[in-house]
Structure formats: C-alpha cells, structure tokens
Amino acid sequence: MEQLSLNDYSAASAALPMIAAAINFRHIDRVLVVAVFYFLAAALFELILMLSMRAGLANNMPLIHLFIALSLSLFSVLYYRAFQSKTLQRLVLFLGPASVLAVIVSSLFIGGIWVYPSFSNTLQSVVLMSFSLLFFYQIFTRQEYVHIEKQAMFWINSGVLIYFSVNIFLFMLFDLVIVQQQEELYAIHLIINIFSNILYATGLLCKPQKTT
C-alpha cells in the first residue's frame, strides 16, 4: 500500500470545512454561504491538482492561476458581506475587482499561465491580509458584547490571516530558491494549509450567538 504524503494530508484537509458545513448546515447564513462556496472550490481544486500530479501532468500552473482569481473574487464577496461599515464595503468593492483584474493581466500578458504565479499569490496575500486585519478591527471596536470565540467569522478570518501571513514569504521567494529549498518551503505551506482548514472547520461548526 502506498504511503500517504504530507501533500495527500493537506489535500484531504480541504474536506474538513465541507464536513463541518454539512453538519452545521442549518446555521449557515448569507455570509458563511460564500465561505462554503470557496471551501467547495478549494476542495475541488485540491482534488484536481492531486489527480493531475498522480497522472504525471507536467505543468498544472494554469489551474493555480485560475484558482487565485476565483478565490480573490469569493473572498471579496465574503468580506463585503462581513463588513458592517459602508467605508470598508466600498474599499472591498474597489480592491477586490482591481486585484482580480491585476491577477488576470499578470497571468495572461506578463508572467504567463505556465509559470508559478508569484506576483498573483503575493498580491492576493496582501489584499486578504488587509481585509482580515480590518475585520479584526471591526470585531474589537464593536459596541456590543460578543463571545468572539463563538463567532464563525472569527475562526475563518483567523485562518485567512494565518494562511496568507505565513505563506506570503513562500509566494515571494518560491521562484528565487533552489529546488531543494522549494520543497522545504512547500512543506511549510502544506502544514499551514492543514492548520487553516482546521480553523475554517471550527468556524463552520459555530452556532449563531446573541449580542448584548
């Protein structure tokens, strides 16, 4: 029997948020439903990437370029719905489409779809880290009292911040290091991906909490 690799465990962890959403589907609101669509897309892409690697596909970079544009779009919708401030919502309306357009232009006309999307991944990290930090600011400056550890978006937002704040360095440096170091960096990415999926699943298991 073939031994499972860290890459296999990372790919399998993408199912955790979907399992959590299925268990707690009665409490999936209009904000979380966008997150569920993202996690479903992420799980499908993980499966496709894993199968393509096992099939010996030489270059699956176009799939990664496509997923970055899709994830930026879905996260923009997610944070637009999660933000309560009109100013922050307008910021998302500007940065979201602008960053998606920049990713598309970079993929098609600058770097190319067959090379690692270092710029696109880095841009996505900067944008989503910004949204994540602004969401934490919204949480901690709210007037009403809430148990933040029981809020679904607290855990999902934590997963976003941890994933992109750690991996941004990998995204920036991936093309500049030797192959052996690329493998070491990618192992860090896989571990953080597993941890983030656990946080996402935790959030989707939360029940709605009343505010006072």
N, C-alpha and C. Protein backbone atom coordinates (compact mmCIF):
# COMPACT_ATOMS: atom_id res chain seq x y z
N MET A 1 0.85 -1.20 0.00
CA MET A 1 0.00 0.00 0.00
C MET A 1 0.88 1.24 0.00
N GLU A 2 0.58 2.18 -0.87
CA GLU A 2 1.39 3.39 -0.99
C GLU A 2 1.21 4.28 0.24
N GLN A 3 2.32 4.74 0.80
CA GLN A 3 2.28 5.59 1.98
C GLN A 3 1.80 6.99 1.61
N LEU A 4 0.91 7.53 2.45
CA LEU A 4 0.40 8.87 2.20
C LEU A 4 1.47 9.91 2.50
N SER A 5 1.51 10.95 1.68
CA SER A 5 2.49 12.02 1.86
C SER A 5 1.83 13.21 2.53
N LEU A 6 2.66 14.19 2.93
CA LEU A 6 2.14 15.41 3.52
C LEU A 6 1.21 16.13 2.54
N ASN A 7 1.54 16.04 1.27
CA ASN A 7 0.69 16.65 0.24
C ASN A 7 -0.71 16.00 0.23
N ASP A 8 -0.76 14.69 0.44
CA ASP A 8 -2.04 13.99 0.48
C ASP A 8 -2.87 14.44 1.69
N TYR A 9 -2.20 14.56 2.84
CA TYR A 9 -2.91 15.00 4.05
C TYR A 9 -3.43 16.43 3.89
N SER A 10 -2.61 17.28 3.25
CA SER A 10 -3.03 18.66 3.02
C SER A 10 -4.25 18.70 2.10
N ALA A 11 -4.21 17.91 1.04
CA ALA A 11 -5.34 17.86 0.11
C ALA A 11 -6.59 17.33 0.81
N ALA A 12 -6.41 16.31 1.64
CA ALA A 12 -7.55 15.72 2.35
C ALA A 12 -8.15 16.69 3.36
N SER A 13 -7.31 17.56 3.93
CA SER A 13 -7.81 18.50 4.93
C SER A 13 -8.80 19.50 4.33
N ALA A 14 -8.79 19.65 3.02
CA ALA A 14 -9.74 20.55 2.36
C ALA A 14 -11.18 20.07 2.54
N ALA A 15 -11.35 18.80 2.89
CA ALA A 15 -12.69 18.26 3.10
C ALA A 15 -13.24 18.65 4.47
N LEU A 16 -12.38 19.05 5.40
CA LEU A 16 -12.83 19.35 6.76
C LEU A 16 -13.88 20.47 6.81
N PRO A 17 -13.65 21.62 6.14
CA PRO A 17 -14.69 22.66 6.16
C PRO A 17 -16.00 22.19 5.55
N MET A 18 -15.94 21.36 4.52
CA MET A 18 -17.16 20.89 3.88
C MET A 18 -17.93 19.95 4.81
N ILE A 19 -17.21 19.12 5.55
CA ILE A 19 -17.85 18.23 6.52
C ILE A 19 -18.51 19.06 7.62
N ALA A 20 -17.79 20.08 8.09
CA ALA A 20 -18.33 20.95 9.14
C ALA A 20 -19.59 21.67 8.65
N ALA A 21 -19.56 22.16 7.40
CA ALA A 21 -20.72 22.85 6.83
C ALA A 21 -21.91 21.91 6.71
N ALA A 22 -21.65 20.66 6.35
CA ALA A 22 -22.74 19.68 6.23
C ALA A 22 -23.36 19.39 7.59
N ILE A 23 -22.51 19.30 8.63
CA ILE A 23 -23.00 19.03 9.98
C ILE A 23 -23.83 20.19 10.51
N ASN A 24 -23.38 21.42 10.22
CA ASN A 24 -23.99 22.62 10.80
C ASN A 24 -24.75 23.44 9.75
N PHE A 25 -25.30 22.76 8.73
CA PHE A 25 -25.88 23.48 7.59
C PHE A 25 -27.06 24.36 7.99
N ARG A 26 -27.74 24.07 9.08
CA ARG A 26 -28.90 24.86 9.49
C ARG A 26 -28.50 26.27 9.93
N HIS A 27 -27.23 26.44 10.27
CA HIS A 27 -26.78 27.73 10.79
C HIS A 27 -25.85 28.46 9.80
N ILE A 28 -25.89 28.06 8.53
CA ILE A 28 -25.10 28.73 7.51
C ILE A 28 -25.86 29.94 7.01
N ASP A 29 -25.37 31.15 7.34
CA ASP A 29 -26.08 32.38 6.96
C ASP A 29 -25.55 32.91 5.63
N ARG A 30 -26.00 34.10 5.24
CA ARG A 30 -25.65 34.67 3.93
C ARG A 30 -24.17 35.01 3.82
N VAL A 31 -23.50 35.22 4.95
CA VAL A 31 -22.06 35.46 4.93
C VAL A 31 -21.32 34.14 4.76
N LEU A 32 -21.69 33.17 5.59
CA LEU A 32 -20.99 31.90 5.58
C LEU A 32 -21.21 31.09 4.31
N VAL A 33 -22.35 31.32 3.63
CA VAL A 33 -22.60 30.55 2.40
C VAL A 33 -21.54 30.87 1.35
N VAL A 34 -21.03 32.10 1.36
CA VAL A 34 -19.95 32.46 0.43
C VAL A 34 -18.68 31.69 0.79
N ALA A 35 -18.42 31.59 2.10
CA ALA A 35 -17.26 30.82 2.56
C ALA A 35 -17.38 29.36 2.14
N VAL A 36 -18.58 28.82 2.25
CA VAL A 36 -18.80 27.43 1.85
C VAL A 36 -18.52 27.23 0.37
N PHE A 37 -18.94 28.17 -0.47
CA PHE A 37 -18.64 28.09 -1.90
C PHE A 37 -17.13 28.11 -2.14
N TYR A 38 -16.42 28.95 -1.38
CA TYR A 38 -14.96 28.99 -1.52
C TYR A 38 -14.35 27.65 -1.12
N PHE A 39 -14.76 27.10 0.03
CA PHE A 39 -14.18 25.84 0.50
C PHE A 39 -14.50 24.69 -0.44
N LEU A 40 -15.69 24.73 -1.04
CA LEU A 40 -16.03 23.72 -2.04
C LEU A 40 -15.12 23.83 -3.25
N ALA A 41 -14.90 25.07 -3.73
CA ALA A 41 -13.99 25.28 -4.86
C ALA A 41 -12.58 24.85 -4.51
N ALA A 42 -12.13 25.18 -3.28
CA ALA A 42 -10.77 24.80 -2.86
C ALA A 42 -10.62 23.29 -2.81
N ALA A 43 -11.64 22.59 -2.30
CA ALA A 43 -11.58 21.14 -2.23
C ALA A 43 -11.52 20.52 -3.63
N LEU A 44 -12.31 21.07 -4.56
CA LEU A 44 -12.30 20.55 -5.92
C LEU A 44 -10.95 20.78 -6.59
N PHE A 45 -10.39 21.98 -6.38
CA PHE A 45 -9.09 22.26 -6.97
C PHE A 45 -7.99 21.40 -6.36
N GLU A 46 -8.07 21.17 -5.05
CA GLU A 46 -7.09 20.28 -4.40
C GLU A 46 -7.17 18.88 -5.02
N LEU A 47 -8.39 18.40 -5.23
CA LEU A 47 -8.57 17.08 -5.81
C LEU A 47 -8.03 17.02 -7.24
N ILE A 48 -8.34 18.05 -8.03
CA ILE A 48 -7.88 18.08 -9.41
C ILE A 48 -6.35 18.16 -9.47
N LEU A 49 -5.76 18.99 -8.61
CA LEU A 49 -4.30 19.12 -8.60
C LEU A 49 -3.64 17.81 -8.18
N MET A 50 -4.20 17.15 -7.17
CA MET A 50 -3.63 15.89 -6.72
C MET A 50 -3.72 14.82 -7.80
N LEU A 51 -4.88 14.74 -8.48
CA LEU A 51 -5.04 13.76 -9.54
C LEU A 51 -4.13 14.06 -10.73
N SER A 52 -3.97 15.36 -11.03
CA SER A 52 -3.10 15.72 -12.15
C SER A 52 -1.64 15.38 -11.85
N MET A 53 -1.23 15.56 -10.59
CA MET A 53 0.14 15.20 -10.21
C MET A 53 0.34 13.70 -10.30
N ARG A 54 -0.64 12.94 -9.82
CA ARG A 54 -0.52 11.48 -9.88
C ARG A 54 -0.57 10.96 -11.31
N ALA A 55 -1.23 11.73 -12.19
CA ALA A 55 -1.30 11.33 -13.60
C ALA A 55 -0.05 11.74 -14.37
N GLY A 56 0.84 12.46 -13.69
CA GLY A 56 2.10 12.86 -14.32
C GLY A 56 1.99 14.10 -15.18
N LEU A 57 0.97 14.94 -14.93
CA LEU A 57 0.83 16.18 -15.70
C LEU A 57 2.04 17.07 -15.43
N ALA A 58 2.71 17.47 -16.48
CA ALA A 58 3.98 18.19 -16.33
C ALA A 58 3.81 19.58 -15.75
N ASN A 59 2.73 20.26 -16.08
CA ASN A 59 2.57 21.65 -15.64
C ASN A 59 1.09 21.94 -15.38
N ASN A 60 0.76 22.13 -14.09
CA ASN A 60 -0.62 22.44 -13.74
C ASN A 60 -0.80 23.89 -13.29
N MET A 61 0.15 24.74 -13.67
CA MET A 61 0.11 26.14 -13.26
C MET A 61 -1.15 26.88 -13.71
N PRO A 62 -1.70 26.59 -14.92
CA PRO A 62 -2.93 27.30 -15.30
C PRO A 62 -4.05 27.12 -14.28
N LEU A 63 -4.14 25.94 -13.67
CA LEU A 63 -5.15 25.71 -12.65
C LEU A 63 -4.94 26.61 -11.44
N ILE A 64 -3.69 26.80 -11.06
CA ILE A 64 -3.37 27.64 -9.90
C ILE A 64 -3.70 29.10 -10.21
N HIS A 65 -3.38 29.56 -11.42
CA HIS A 65 -3.74 30.93 -11.82
C HIS A 65 -5.25 31.13 -11.74
N LEU A 66 -6.00 30.15 -12.25
CA LEU A 66 -7.45 30.23 -12.24
C LEU A 66 -7.99 30.27 -10.81
N PHE A 67 -7.42 29.44 -9.94
CA PHE A 67 -7.92 29.38 -8.57
C PHE A 67 -7.64 30.67 -7.81
N ILE A 68 -6.51 31.31 -8.07
CA ILE A 68 -6.22 32.58 -7.40
C ILE A 68 -7.27 33.63 -7.74
N ALA A 69 -7.61 33.74 -9.03
CA ALA A 69 -8.63 34.71 -9.45
C ALA A 69 -9.98 34.37 -8.82
N LEU A 70 -10.31 33.09 -8.76
CA LEU A 70 -11.58 32.67 -8.17
C LEU A 70 -11.61 32.94 -6.66
N SER A 71 -10.53 32.60 -5.96
CA SER A 71 -10.50 32.79 -4.51
C SER A 71 -10.54 34.27 -4.14
N LEU A 72 -9.84 35.10 -4.90
CA LEU A 72 -9.90 36.54 -4.65
C LEU A 72 -11.33 37.06 -4.83
N SER A 73 -12.02 36.58 -5.84
CA SER A 73 -13.39 37.00 -6.09
C SER A 73 -14.32 36.59 -4.95
N LEU A 74 -14.22 35.33 -4.53
CA LEU A 74 -15.10 34.83 -3.48
C LEU A 74 -14.79 35.47 -2.13
N PHE A 75 -13.52 35.65 -1.82
CA PHE A 75 -13.16 36.29 -0.56
C PHE A 75 -13.61 37.75 -0.54
N SER A 76 -13.57 38.39 -1.68
CA SER A 76 -14.04 39.78 -1.74
C SER A 76 -15.53 39.86 -1.41
N VAL A 77 -16.31 38.93 -1.97
CA VAL A 77 -17.74 38.89 -1.66
C VAL A 77 -17.95 38.57 -0.18
N LEU A 78 -17.16 37.63 0.34
CA LEU A 78 -17.27 37.25 1.74
C LEU A 78 -17.04 38.44 2.67
N TYR A 79 -15.96 39.17 2.44
CA TYR A 79 -15.66 40.30 3.32
C TYR A 79 -16.60 41.47 3.09
N TYR A 80 -17.07 41.63 1.88
CA TYR A 80 -18.07 42.69 1.63
C TYR A 80 -19.32 42.44 2.49
N ARG A 81 -19.74 41.19 2.57
CA ARG A 81 -20.91 40.86 3.38
C ARG A 81 -20.61 40.89 4.87
N ALA A 82 -19.35 40.59 5.24
CA ALA A 82 -19.00 40.53 6.66
C ALA A 82 -18.76 41.92 7.26
N PHE A 83 -18.30 42.86 6.44
CA PHE A 83 -18.07 44.22 6.95
C PHE A 83 -19.39 44.93 7.18
N GLN A 84 -19.46 45.67 8.27
CA GLN A 84 -20.66 46.44 8.60
C GLN A 84 -20.52 47.90 8.17
N SER A 85 -19.30 48.36 8.06
CA SER A 85 -19.05 49.75 7.69
C SER A 85 -19.18 49.93 6.18
N LYS A 86 -19.89 50.97 5.77
CA LYS A 86 -20.02 51.28 4.35
C LYS A 86 -18.66 51.63 3.74
N THR A 87 -17.81 52.27 4.54
CA THR A 87 -16.48 52.63 4.04
C THR A 87 -15.67 51.39 3.72
N LEU A 88 -15.71 50.39 4.61
CA LEU A 88 -14.98 49.15 4.38
C LEU A 88 -15.58 48.37 3.21
N GLN A 89 -16.88 48.43 3.07
CA GLN A 89 -17.51 47.76 1.94
C GLN A 89 -17.10 48.40 0.61
N ARG A 90 -17.00 49.72 0.61
CA ARG A 90 -16.54 50.42 -0.61
C ARG A 90 -15.09 50.07 -0.91
N LEU A 91 -14.28 49.91 0.15
CA LEU A 91 -12.89 49.52 -0.04
C LEU A 91 -12.80 48.16 -0.71
N VAL A 92 -13.64 47.23 -0.26
CA VAL A 92 -13.67 45.89 -0.87
C VAL A 92 -14.13 45.97 -2.32
N LEU A 93 -15.13 46.81 -2.59
CA LEU A 93 -15.62 46.97 -3.95
C LEU A 93 -14.55 47.50 -4.90
N PHE A 94 -13.61 48.26 -4.35
CA PHE A 94 -12.51 48.77 -5.18
C PHE A 94 -11.36 47.77 -5.27
N LEU A 95 -10.88 47.30 -4.11
CA LEU A 95 -9.69 46.44 -4.09
C LEU A 95 -9.98 45.05 -4.67
N GLY A 96 -11.18 44.52 -4.42
CA GLY A 96 -11.49 43.19 -4.92
C GLY A 96 -11.39 43.08 -6.43
N PRO A 97 -12.24 43.80 -7.17
CA PRO A 97 -12.15 43.73 -8.63
C PRO A 97 -10.80 44.17 -9.19
N ALA A 98 -10.18 45.20 -8.57
CA ALA A 98 -8.88 45.68 -9.05
C ALA A 98 -7.82 44.60 -8.94
N SER A 99 -7.81 43.88 -7.82
CA SER A 99 -6.81 42.82 -7.63
C SER A 99 -7.07 41.64 -8.55
N VAL A 100 -8.34 41.30 -8.77
CA VAL A 100 -8.66 40.22 -9.71
C VAL A 100 -8.21 40.60 -11.12
N LEU A 101 -8.46 41.84 -11.51
CA LEU A 101 -8.03 42.31 -12.83
C LEU A 101 -6.50 42.25 -12.96
N ALA A 102 -5.80 42.65 -11.89
CA ALA A 102 -4.34 42.62 -11.91
C ALA A 102 -3.82 41.19 -12.04
N VAL A 103 -4.48 40.26 -11.37
CA VAL A 103 -4.09 38.84 -11.47
C VAL A 103 -4.29 38.34 -12.90
N ILE A 104 -5.42 38.67 -13.51
CA ILE A 104 -5.71 38.22 -14.88
C ILE A 104 -4.69 38.80 -15.86
N VAL A 105 -4.40 40.10 -15.73
CA VAL A 105 -3.44 40.75 -16.63
C VAL A 105 -2.06 40.13 -16.46
N SER A 106 -1.66 39.92 -15.20
CA SER A 106 -0.34 39.32 -14.94
C SER A 106 -0.25 37.92 -15.52
N SER A 107 -1.32 37.14 -15.35
CA SER A 107 -1.31 35.76 -15.82
C SER A 107 -1.28 35.66 -17.34
N LEU A 108 -2.04 36.52 -18.00
CA LEU A 108 -2.17 36.39 -19.45
C LEU A 108 -1.11 37.14 -20.24
N PHE A 109 -0.65 38.28 -19.72
CA PHE A 109 0.19 39.16 -20.53
C PHE A 109 1.58 39.44 -19.96
N ILE A 110 1.83 39.09 -18.71
CA ILE A 110 3.14 39.41 -18.12
C ILE A 110 3.91 38.14 -17.80
N GLY A 111 3.50 37.45 -16.75
CA GLY A 111 4.23 36.24 -16.35
C GLY A 111 3.91 35.05 -17.22
N GLY A 112 2.63 34.93 -17.59
CA GLY A 112 2.21 33.77 -18.36
C GLY A 112 1.56 32.73 -17.46
N ILE A 113 0.64 31.96 -18.02
CA ILE A 113 -0.10 30.99 -17.22
C ILE A 113 0.68 29.71 -16.96
N TRP A 114 1.84 29.56 -17.59
CA TRP A 114 2.60 28.32 -17.43
C TRP A 114 3.72 28.43 -16.41
N VAL A 115 3.84 29.59 -15.76
CA VAL A 115 4.88 29.77 -14.74
C VAL A 115 4.22 30.00 -13.39
N TYR A 116 4.98 29.78 -12.33
CA TYR A 116 4.44 29.92 -10.98
C TYR A 116 3.96 31.36 -10.76
N PRO A 117 2.73 31.55 -10.27
CA PRO A 117 2.16 32.90 -10.13
C PRO A 117 2.62 33.62 -8.86
N SER A 118 3.89 33.91 -8.78
CA SER A 118 4.44 34.55 -7.59
C SER A 118 3.80 35.91 -7.33
N PHE A 119 3.69 36.73 -8.37
CA PHE A 119 3.08 38.06 -8.21
C PHE A 119 1.63 37.94 -7.77
N SER A 120 0.86 37.09 -8.45
CA SER A 120 -0.56 36.95 -8.15
C SER A 120 -0.79 36.45 -6.72
N ASN A 121 0.00 35.45 -6.30
CA ASN A 121 -0.13 34.93 -4.95
C ASN A 121 0.24 35.98 -3.91
N THR A 122 1.29 36.75 -4.20
CA THR A 122 1.71 37.79 -3.27
C THR A 122 0.67 38.88 -3.17
N LEU A 123 0.12 39.30 -4.31
CA LEU A 123 -0.93 40.32 -4.31
C LEU A 123 -2.15 39.84 -3.54
N GLN A 124 -2.56 38.59 -3.80
CA GLN A 124 -3.70 38.03 -3.08
C GLN A 124 -3.44 38.04 -1.57
N SER A 125 -2.23 37.69 -1.16
CA SER A 125 -1.90 37.67 0.25
C SER A 125 -2.02 39.05 0.88
N VAL A 126 -1.49 40.06 0.20
CA VAL A 126 -1.53 41.43 0.73
C VAL A 126 -2.98 41.90 0.87
N VAL A 127 -3.79 41.65 -0.16
CA VAL A 127 -5.18 42.11 -0.14
C VAL A 127 -5.97 41.40 0.96
N LEU A 128 -5.85 40.07 1.04
CA LEU A 128 -6.65 39.33 2.02
C LEU A 128 -6.14 39.52 3.44
N MET A 129 -4.85 39.72 3.62
CA MET A 129 -4.34 40.08 4.95
C MET A 129 -4.92 41.42 5.39
N SER A 130 -5.02 42.35 4.46
CA SER A 130 -5.60 43.66 4.77
C SER A 130 -7.07 43.53 5.18
N PHE A 131 -7.83 42.76 4.40
CA PHE A 131 -9.24 42.53 4.75
C PHE A 131 -9.35 41.87 6.12
N SER A 132 -8.48 40.90 6.37
CA SER A 132 -8.53 40.16 7.63
C SER A 132 -8.25 41.06 8.82
N LEU A 133 -7.23 41.90 8.71
CA LEU A 133 -6.89 42.81 9.80
C LEU A 133 -8.00 43.83 10.02
N LEU A 134 -8.61 44.31 8.95
CA LEU A 134 -9.72 45.25 9.08
C LEU A 134 -10.93 44.58 9.72
N PHE A 135 -11.13 43.29 9.45
CA PHE A 135 -12.24 42.59 10.09
C PHE A 135 -11.99 42.44 11.58
N PHE A 136 -10.75 42.15 11.97
CA PHE A 136 -10.44 42.09 13.40
C PHE A 136 -10.65 43.45 14.05
N TYR A 137 -10.29 44.51 13.34
CA TYR A 137 -10.54 45.86 13.87
C TYR A 137 -12.03 46.06 14.09
N GLN A 138 -12.84 45.60 13.13
CA GLN A 138 -14.30 45.73 13.28
C GLN A 138 -14.79 44.97 14.51
N ILE A 139 -14.26 43.76 14.73
CA ILE A 139 -14.69 42.96 15.87
C ILE A 139 -14.37 43.65 17.19
N PHE A 140 -13.13 44.13 17.31
CA PHE A 140 -12.67 44.65 18.60
C PHE A 140 -13.11 46.08 18.87
N THR A 141 -13.75 46.73 17.90
CA THR A 141 -14.25 48.08 18.14
C THR A 141 -15.78 48.13 18.16
N ARG A 142 -16.42 46.98 18.12
CA ARG A 142 -17.89 46.94 18.19
C ARG A 142 -18.36 47.34 19.58
N GLN A 143 -19.50 47.97 19.65
CA GLN A 143 -20.04 48.45 20.91
C GLN A 143 -20.70 47.32 21.72
N GLU A 144 -21.31 46.37 21.03
CA GLU A 144 -21.99 45.31 21.75
C GLU A 144 -21.02 44.23 22.19
N TYR A 145 -21.40 43.49 23.21
CA TYR A 145 -20.55 42.44 23.76
C TYR A 145 -20.84 41.12 23.04
N VAL A 146 -19.80 40.46 22.57
CA VAL A 146 -19.95 39.16 21.91
C VAL A 146 -18.84 38.23 22.37
N HIS A 147 -19.12 36.95 22.36
CA HIS A 147 -18.08 35.94 22.59
C HIS A 147 -17.42 35.67 21.22
N ILE A 148 -16.29 36.32 21.00
CA ILE A 148 -15.70 36.21 19.66
C ILE A 148 -15.29 34.79 19.33
N GLU A 149 -14.93 34.01 20.37
CA GLU A 149 -14.51 32.64 20.10
C GLU A 149 -15.67 31.76 19.66
N LYS A 150 -16.89 32.28 19.77
CA LYS A 150 -18.07 31.53 19.33
C LYS A 150 -18.63 32.07 18.01
N GLN A 151 -17.90 33.01 17.42
CA GLN A 151 -18.31 33.60 16.15
C GLN A 151 -17.63 32.88 14.98
N ALA A 152 -18.41 32.42 14.03
CA ALA A 152 -17.86 31.67 12.91
C ALA A 152 -16.80 32.46 12.15
N MET A 153 -17.09 33.74 11.88
CA MET A 153 -16.15 34.54 11.09
C MET A 153 -14.85 34.82 11.83
N PHE A 154 -14.86 34.76 13.15
CA PHE A 154 -13.61 34.93 13.90
C PHE A 154 -12.63 33.83 13.53
N TRP A 155 -13.10 32.60 13.49
CA TRP A 155 -12.22 31.46 13.17
C TRP A 155 -11.83 31.45 11.70
N ILE A 156 -12.79 31.74 10.82
CA ILE A 156 -12.49 31.77 9.40
C ILE A 156 -11.50 32.89 9.09
N ASN A 157 -11.74 34.05 9.68
CA ASN A 157 -10.83 35.18 9.47
C ASN A 157 -9.44 34.89 10.03
N SER A 158 -9.38 34.18 11.15
CA SER A 158 -8.08 33.79 11.72
C SER A 158 -7.34 32.86 10.77
N GLY A 159 -8.08 31.94 10.16
CA GLY A 159 -7.46 31.03 9.20
C GLY A 159 -6.92 31.77 7.99
N VAL A 160 -7.66 32.75 7.52
CA VAL A 160 -7.21 33.57 6.38
C VAL A 160 -5.92 34.31 6.74
N LEU A 161 -5.91 34.96 7.90
CA LEU A 161 -4.74 35.75 8.29
C LEU A 161 -3.51 34.87 8.48
N ILE A 162 -3.66 33.74 9.15
CA ILE A 162 -2.53 32.85 9.39
C ILE A 162 -2.01 32.28 8.08
N TYR A 163 -2.92 31.81 7.23
CA TYR A 163 -2.50 31.19 5.97
C TYR A 163 -1.71 32.16 5.10
N PHE A 164 -2.25 33.35 4.90
CA PHE A 164 -1.60 34.27 3.97
C PHE A 164 -0.42 35.02 4.59
N SER A 165 -0.44 35.27 5.90
CA SER A 165 0.69 35.96 6.52
C SER A 165 1.93 35.08 6.58
N VAL A 166 1.74 33.78 6.70
CA VAL A 166 2.89 32.86 6.70
C VAL A 166 3.34 32.58 5.27
N ASN A 167 2.39 32.30 4.40
CA ASN A 167 2.73 31.87 3.05
C ASN A 167 3.17 32.99 2.12
N ILE A 168 2.95 34.24 2.50
CA ILE A 168 3.36 35.34 1.63
C ILE A 168 4.85 35.30 1.35
N PHE A 169 5.63 34.86 2.33
CA PHE A 169 7.08 34.78 2.14
C PHE A 169 7.43 33.67 1.15
N LEU A 170 6.67 32.56 1.22
CA LEU A 170 6.87 31.49 0.24
C LEU A 170 6.53 31.97 -1.16
N PHE A 171 5.41 32.68 -1.27
CA PHE A 171 4.97 33.16 -2.58
C PHE A 171 5.99 34.11 -3.20
N MET A 172 6.60 34.96 -2.37
CA MET A 172 7.57 35.93 -2.88
C MET A 172 8.89 35.29 -3.25
N LEU A 173 9.28 34.23 -2.51
CA LEU A 173 10.63 33.68 -2.66
C LEU A 173 10.68 32.40 -3.49
N PHE A 174 9.53 31.83 -3.82
CA PHE A 174 9.49 30.50 -4.42
C PHE A 174 10.33 30.41 -5.69
N ASP A 175 10.25 31.43 -6.53
CA ASP A 175 10.98 31.40 -7.80
C ASP A 175 12.47 31.69 -7.64
N LEU A 176 12.89 32.14 -6.45
CA LEU A 176 14.27 32.59 -6.26
C LEU A 176 15.16 31.57 -5.57
N VAL A 177 14.58 30.46 -5.10
CA VAL A 177 15.37 29.49 -4.35
C VAL A 177 15.57 28.23 -5.18
N ILE A 178 16.53 27.41 -4.77
CA ILE A 178 16.82 26.18 -5.48
C ILE A 178 15.73 25.15 -5.22
N VAL A 179 15.72 24.08 -6.00
CA VAL A 179 14.65 23.09 -5.95
C VAL A 179 14.50 22.48 -4.55
N GLN A 180 15.61 22.13 -3.91
CA GLN A 180 15.54 21.53 -2.58
C GLN A 180 14.87 22.47 -1.58
N GLN A 181 15.22 23.74 -1.65
CA GLN A 181 14.61 24.72 -0.75
C GLN A 181 13.14 24.94 -1.10
N GLN A 182 12.79 24.83 -2.37
CA GLN A 182 11.39 24.93 -2.77
C GLN A 182 10.56 23.84 -2.10
N GLU A 183 11.11 22.64 -2.01
CA GLU A 183 10.41 21.53 -1.37
C GLU A 183 10.22 21.80 0.12
N GLU A 184 11.23 22.37 0.76
CA GLU A 184 11.13 22.69 2.18
C GLU A 184 10.10 23.79 2.42
N LEU A 185 10.12 24.82 1.57
CA LEU A 185 9.14 25.90 1.69
C LEU A 185 7.73 25.38 1.45
N TYR A 186 7.58 24.49 0.48
CA TYR A 186 6.26 23.97 0.15
C TYR A 186 5.73 23.10 1.29
N ALA A 187 6.62 22.43 2.01
CA ALA A 187 6.19 21.63 3.16
C ALA A 187 5.58 22.52 4.23
N ILE A 188 6.16 23.71 4.43
CA ILE A 188 5.59 24.67 5.37
C ILE A 188 4.20 25.08 4.92
N HIS A 189 4.07 25.33 3.62
CA HIS A 189 2.76 25.69 3.05
C HIS A 189 1.73 24.61 3.32
N LEU A 190 2.10 23.36 3.16
CA LEU A 190 1.16 22.25 3.36
C LEU A 190 0.71 22.17 4.81
N ILE A 191 1.64 22.36 5.74
CA ILE A 191 1.30 22.31 7.17
C ILE A 191 0.35 23.45 7.53
N ILE A 192 0.65 24.66 7.05
CA ILE A 192 -0.21 25.81 7.32
C ILE A 192 -1.57 25.62 6.68
N ASN A 193 -1.62 24.98 5.53
CA ASN A 193 -2.90 24.73 4.86
C ASN A 193 -3.77 23.80 5.71
N ILE A 194 -3.17 22.77 6.28
CA ILE A 194 -3.91 21.85 7.15
C ILE A 194 -4.44 22.60 8.37
N PHE A 195 -3.58 23.40 9.00
CA PHE A 195 -3.97 24.15 10.19
C PHE A 195 -5.09 25.14 9.88
N SER A 196 -5.00 25.81 8.74
CA SER A 196 -6.03 26.77 8.35
C SER A 196 -7.36 26.08 8.10
N ASN A 197 -7.33 24.92 7.47
CA ASN A 197 -8.57 24.18 7.22
C ASN A 197 -9.23 23.74 8.52
N ILE A 198 -8.42 23.44 9.53
CA ILE A 198 -8.98 23.12 10.85
C ILE A 198 -9.69 24.33 11.44
N LEU A 199 -9.09 25.52 11.29
CA LEU A 199 -9.71 26.75 11.77
C LEU A 199 -11.01 27.03 11.02
N TYR A 200 -10.98 26.85 9.69
CA TYR A 200 -12.19 27.06 8.89
C TYR A 200 -13.32 26.13 9.36
N ALA A 201 -12.97 24.87 9.57
CA ALA A 201 -13.97 23.89 10.00
C ALA A 201 -14.53 24.26 11.38
N THR A 202 -13.65 24.73 12.26
CA THR A 202 -14.10 25.16 13.59
C THR A 202 -15.12 26.28 13.47
N GLY A 203 -14.84 27.24 12.59
CA GLY A 203 -15.77 28.34 12.39
C GLY A 203 -17.12 27.88 11.87
N LEU A 204 -17.12 26.95 10.94
CA LEU A 204 -18.38 26.49 10.35
C LEU A 204 -19.19 25.62 11.30
N LEU A 205 -18.59 25.20 12.40
CA LEU A 205 -19.32 24.43 13.41
C LEU A 205 -19.94 25.34 14.47
N CYS A 206 -19.63 26.63 14.44
CA CYS A 206 -20.15 27.55 15.44
C CYS A 206 -21.64 27.80 15.22
N LYS A 207 -22.34 27.96 16.34
CA LYS A 207 -23.76 28.34 16.31
C LYS A 207 -23.88 29.86 16.44
N PRO A 208 -24.91 30.47 15.84
CA PRO A 208 -25.09 31.92 15.96
C PRO A 208 -25.22 32.34 17.42
N GLN A 209 -24.55 33.45 17.78
CA GLN A 209 -24.57 33.95 19.14
C GLN A 209 -25.32 35.27 19.21
N LYS A 210 -26.06 35.46 20.30
CA LYS A 210 -26.75 36.71 20.52
C LYS A 210 -25.78 37.77 21.03
N THR A 211 -25.99 39.02 20.66
CA THR A 211 -25.16 40.12 21.13
C THR A 211 -25.92 40.90 22.19
N THR A 212 -25.15 41.55 23.09
CA THR A 212 -25.76 42.36 24.14
C THR A 212 -25.12 43.72 24.20
